[in-house]
Protein backbone atom coordinates (compact mmCIF):
# COMPACT_ATOMS: atom_id res chain seq x y z
CA UNK A 1 -9.15 -6.71 18.90
CA UNK A 2 -8.08 -5.79 15.37
CA UNK A 3 -11.06 -4.75 13.25
CA UNK A 4 -11.17 -5.32 9.49
CA UNK A 5 -13.74 -3.99 7.02
CA UNK A 6 -14.45 -6.12 3.92
CA UNK A 7 -16.51 -4.61 1.08
CA UNK A 8 -17.64 -6.84 -1.80
CA UNK A 9 -20.94 -7.22 -3.64
CA UNK A 10 -20.50 -11.02 -3.75
CA UNK A 11 -21.91 -12.54 -0.57
CA UNK A 12 -19.96 -15.81 -1.02
CA UNK A 13 -16.64 -13.96 -1.08
CA UNK A 14 -17.57 -11.97 2.03
CA UNK A 15 -18.43 -15.20 3.86
CA UNK A 16 -15.09 -16.70 2.80
CA UNK A 17 -13.14 -13.61 3.95
CA UNK A 18 -15.05 -13.41 7.25
CA UNK A 19 -14.47 -17.08 8.11
CA UNK A 20 -10.80 -17.01 7.10
CA UNK A 21 -9.90 -13.87 9.02
CA UNK A 22 -12.04 -14.51 12.09
CA UNK A 23 -10.12 -17.77 12.54
CA UNK A 24 -7.02 -15.56 12.86
CA UNK A 25 -8.68 -13.65 15.69
CA UNK A 26 -9.72 -10.54 13.76
CA UNK A 27 -13.15 -8.93 14.00
CA UNK A 28 -14.55 -8.64 10.46
CA UNK A 29 -17.35 -6.33 9.33
CA UNK A 30 -18.71 -7.52 5.96
CA UNK A 31 -20.52 -5.00 3.74
CA UNK A 32 -22.24 -5.91 0.46
CA UNK A 33 -23.45 -2.42 -0.49
CA UNK A 34 -20.59 0.07 -1.09
CA UNK A 35 -23.01 2.98 -0.58
CA UNK A 36 -23.22 2.06 3.13
CA UNK A 37 -19.47 2.35 3.78
CA UNK A 38 -19.31 6.12 4.31
CA UNK A 39 -21.85 5.86 7.14
CA UNK A 40 -19.46 3.64 9.15
CA UNK A 41 -16.89 4.90 11.67
CA UNK A 42 -13.96 4.15 9.39
CA UNK A 43 -11.38 5.22 11.97
CA UNK A 44 -12.36 2.13 14.00
CA UNK A 45 -10.84 -0.22 11.42
CA UNK A 46 -7.19 -1.23 11.20
CA UNK A 47 -7.45 -2.51 7.59
CA UNK A 48 -9.94 -2.35 4.70
CA UNK A 49 -10.45 -4.92 1.92
CA UNK A 50 -12.14 -3.34 -1.08
CA UNK A 51 -13.50 -5.09 -4.15
CA UNK A 52 -12.82 -3.13 -7.35
CA UNK A 53 -15.73 -4.28 -9.55
CA UNK A 54 -18.97 -3.40 -7.79
CA UNK A 55 -22.27 -2.12 -9.22
CA UNK A 56 -23.16 1.50 -8.52
CA UNK A 57 -19.86 2.52 -6.99
CA UNK A 58 -16.60 0.79 -7.85
CA UNK A 59 -13.76 0.23 -5.40
CA UNK A 60 -11.55 2.94 -6.87
CA UNK A 61 -14.24 5.62 -6.44
CA UNK A 62 -14.94 4.41 -2.91
CA UNK A 63 -11.21 4.47 -2.06
CA UNK A 64 -11.00 8.10 -3.21
CA UNK A 65 -13.98 8.97 -1.00
CA UNK A 66 -12.70 7.32 2.17
CA UNK A 67 -8.91 7.75 1.89
CA UNK A 68 -9.01 11.08 3.76
CA UNK A 69 -11.22 9.57 6.46
CA UNK A 70 -8.90 6.75 7.46
CA UNK A 71 -5.16 6.19 7.61
CA UNK A 72 -5.33 2.38 7.63
CA UNK A 73 -4.09 0.15 4.77
CA UNK A 74 -6.55 -0.36 1.91
CA UNK A 75 -6.14 -3.59 -0.08
CA UNK A 76 -8.00 -4.03 -3.35
CA UNK A 77 -9.58 -7.34 -4.31
CA UNK A 78 -9.54 -7.44 -8.09
CA UNK A 79 -9.67 -9.59 -11.18
CA UNK A 80 -8.31 -6.62 -13.16
CA UNK A 81 -4.68 -7.04 -14.09
CA UNK A 82 -4.22 -4.21 -16.61
CA UNK A 83 -1.31 -1.98 -15.62
CA UNK A 84 -3.33 1.23 -15.84
CA UNK A 85 -5.94 -0.20 -13.43
CA UNK A 86 -3.30 -1.24 -10.92
CA UNK A 87 -1.49 2.12 -11.18
CA UNK A 88 -4.75 3.98 -10.67
CA UNK A 89 -5.61 1.98 -7.57
CA UNK A 90 -2.20 2.51 -5.99
CA UNK A 91 -2.08 6.15 -7.08
CA UNK A 92 -5.29 7.09 -5.26
CA UNK A 93 -4.06 5.72 -1.94
CA UNK A 94 -4.47 1.95 -2.11
CA UNK A 95 -1.61 0.04 -0.47
CA UNK A 96 -1.75 -3.29 -2.25
CA UNK A 97 -3.98 -5.57 -4.26
CA UNK A 98 -4.94 -9.24 -4.09
CA UNK A 99 -5.80 -10.83 -7.41
CA UNK A 100 -9.02 -12.86 -7.65
CA UNK A 101 -9.35 -15.76 -7.34
CA UNK A 102 -7.14 -15.82 -4.24
CA UNK A 103 -6.28 -18.53 -1.74
CA UNK A 104 -7.06 -18.29 1.97
CA UNK A 105 -3.34 -18.53 2.77
CA UNK A 106 -2.46 -15.57 0.58
CA UNK A 107 -5.32 -13.48 1.99
CA UNK A 108 -4.22 -14.15 5.58
CA UNK A 109 -0.55 -13.50 4.77
CA UNK A 110 -1.20 -10.20 2.98
CA UNK A 111 -3.50 -8.95 5.75
CA UNK A 112 -1.01 -9.97 8.47
CA UNK A 113 1.85 -8.30 6.57
CA UNK A 114 0.09 -4.94 6.36
CA UNK A 115 -1.05 -5.08 9.98
CA UNK A 116 2.52 -5.88 11.08
CA UNK A 117 3.80 -2.90 9.13
CA UNK A 118 1.21 -0.66 10.81
CA UNK A 119 2.42 -1.81 14.21
CA UNK A 120 6.10 -1.08 13.65
CA UNK A 121 7.40 1.82 15.63
CA UNK A 122 10.10 4.02 14.12
CA UNK A 123 11.95 6.41 16.39
CA UNK A 124 14.26 8.58 14.35
CA UNK A 125 14.76 10.69 11.25
CA UNK A 126 17.05 10.35 8.25
CA UNK A 127 18.07 12.49 5.28
CA UNK A 128 19.05 11.17 1.85
CA UNK A 129 19.48 12.90 -1.49
CA UNK A 130 17.95 16.12 -0.20
CA UNK A 131 14.86 14.33 1.14
CA UNK A 132 14.24 14.39 4.90
CA UNK A 133 12.29 11.48 6.37
CA UNK A 134 10.42 11.83 9.65
CA UNK A 135 10.19 8.18 10.50
CA UNK A 136 7.69 8.35 13.33
CA UNK A 137 5.30 10.63 11.46
CA UNK A 138 5.93 8.72 8.19
CA UNK A 139 6.42 11.96 6.28
CA UNK A 140 9.01 12.97 3.68
CA UNK A 141 10.08 16.57 3.02
CA UNK A 142 12.07 18.29 0.31
CA UNK A 143 13.23 21.90 0.86
CA UNK A 144 10.81 22.23 3.75
CA UNK A 145 7.77 21.10 1.80
CA UNK A 146 6.05 17.76 2.43
CA UNK A 147 6.07 15.33 -0.49
CA UNK A 148 2.59 14.00 -1.27
CA UNK A 149 3.30 10.29 -0.99
CA UNK A 150 0.80 7.57 -0.09
CA UNK A 151 1.66 5.38 2.89
CA UNK A 152 3.11 2.60 0.74
CA UNK A 153 5.03 5.01 -1.48
CA UNK A 154 6.54 6.59 1.62
CA UNK A 155 7.52 3.17 3.02
CA UNK A 156 9.33 2.21 -0.21
CA UNK A 157 11.19 5.54 -0.34
CA UNK A 158 12.16 5.25 3.32
CA UNK A 159 13.50 1.73 2.89
CA UNK A 160 15.56 2.59 -0.20
CA UNK A 161 16.80 5.88 1.28
CA UNK A 162 17.91 4.28 4.54
CA UNK A 163 19.89 1.75 2.50
CA UNK A 164 21.01 4.21 -0.20
CA UNK A 165 23.48 2.94 -2.74
CA UNK A 166 22.34 -0.64 -2.22
CA UNK A 167 20.37 -2.42 -4.96
CA UNK A 168 17.21 -4.31 -3.99
CA UNK A 169 15.04 -6.60 -6.10
CA UNK A 170 11.28 -6.10 -6.22
CA UNK A 171 10.95 -9.23 -4.04
CA UNK A 172 13.31 -7.81 -1.39
CA UNK A 173 11.54 -4.45 -1.35
CA UNK A 174 8.12 -6.11 -1.04
CA UNK A 175 9.28 -8.32 1.81
CA UNK A 176 11.02 -5.45 3.63
CA UNK A 177 8.10 -3.05 3.29
CA UNK A 178 5.13 -5.39 3.68
CA UNK A 179 6.80 -8.33 5.41
CA UNK A 180 4.94 -10.86 3.28
CA UNK A 181 6.81 -14.15 3.35
CA UNK A 182 6.50 -16.44 0.37
CA UNK A 183 5.49 -15.70 -3.17
CA UNK A 184 4.21 -12.18 -3.69
CA UNK A 185 2.89 -10.25 -6.64
CA UNK A 186 5.96 -8.07 -7.02
CA UNK A 187 4.48 -6.02 -9.85
CA UNK A 188 2.92 -3.90 -7.10
CA UNK A 189 6.43 -2.54 -6.39
CA UNK A 190 6.90 -1.61 -10.07
CA UNK A 191 3.65 0.37 -10.04
CA UNK A 192 4.46 2.11 -6.76
CA UNK A 193 7.92 3.12 -8.04
CA UNK A 194 6.35 4.57 -11.22
CA UNK A 195 3.98 6.66 -9.10
CA UNK A 196 6.81 7.76 -6.78
CA UNK A 197 8.98 8.84 -9.71
CA UNK A 198 6.17 10.86 -11.28
CA UNK A 199 5.59 12.71 -8.00
CA UNK A 200 9.26 13.37 -7.26
CA UNK A 201 9.92 14.54 -10.81
CA UNK A 202 7.49 17.40 -10.21
CA UNK A 203 10.00 18.84 -7.73
CA UNK A 204 12.99 17.97 -9.98
CA UNK A 205 13.97 14.95 -7.89
CA UNK A 206 15.07 11.65 -9.43
CA UNK A 207 16.69 9.72 -6.58
CA UNK A 208 15.54 6.20 -7.53
CA UNK A 209 17.63 4.39 -10.11
CA UNK A 210 16.69 1.22 -11.97
CA UNK A 211 19.51 -1.31 -12.09
CA UNK A 212 18.48 -3.40 -15.07
CA UNK A 213 17.92 -7.07 -14.36
CA UNK A 214 18.31 -6.56 -10.60
CA UNK A 215 16.03 -3.91 -9.13
CA UNK A 216 16.13 -0.41 -7.66
CA UNK A 217 18.38 1.75 -5.54
CA UNK A 218 18.38 5.20 -4.00
CA UNK A 219 21.29 7.20 -5.43
CA UNK A 220 24.23 7.80 -3.13
CA UNK A 221 24.91 11.35 -4.28
CA UNK A 222 22.72 14.37 -3.62
CA UNK A 223 19.34 14.12 -5.39
CA UNK A 224 18.94 13.76 -9.11
CA UNK A 225 18.61 17.03 -11.00
């Protein structure tokens, strides 16, 4: 059975999450005190829902503490919509965020999308613009050195690189990477791309182009010096 960890200091929200996701057949562990999270066997969970605004220890700090202990998707639950907050959350290893207040349908769809992505098996490797992608290991390399991308950043790069030269809207990228059908908060793609560009620029790589009014594409030619 798929196990999900939900961390929120509001008991009512935890009850809502637990009921909604247990109806889908998931096993949900609800934790009100963020200080208790590190004592759990985090590797037992396939997905973590993390509230951002909590007393004592906020969700961002907790994410930084546990990101190296688990490889599973971390989704933030947040009422914060400021760009710098969203960029920070995604930059420290969060995969997505769900804006409060959220509907049960959206919660279930986002969770299912990330779990589906986790279950996809990739069997080969590809090279694009000087970057080598090891699809099974979900790792990207440039000149023999691994690029420090989060899971979601890697997935976006892989998708664009495998379809290099083709332009995709934020909606298309979100659906392809996370598989979420319906209306999504596509600004998450904008933030991920900003983080990706900042990281790749450090190694003099600029493979992702913005096509104004449409979306993004991975350049056809060799890397972007």
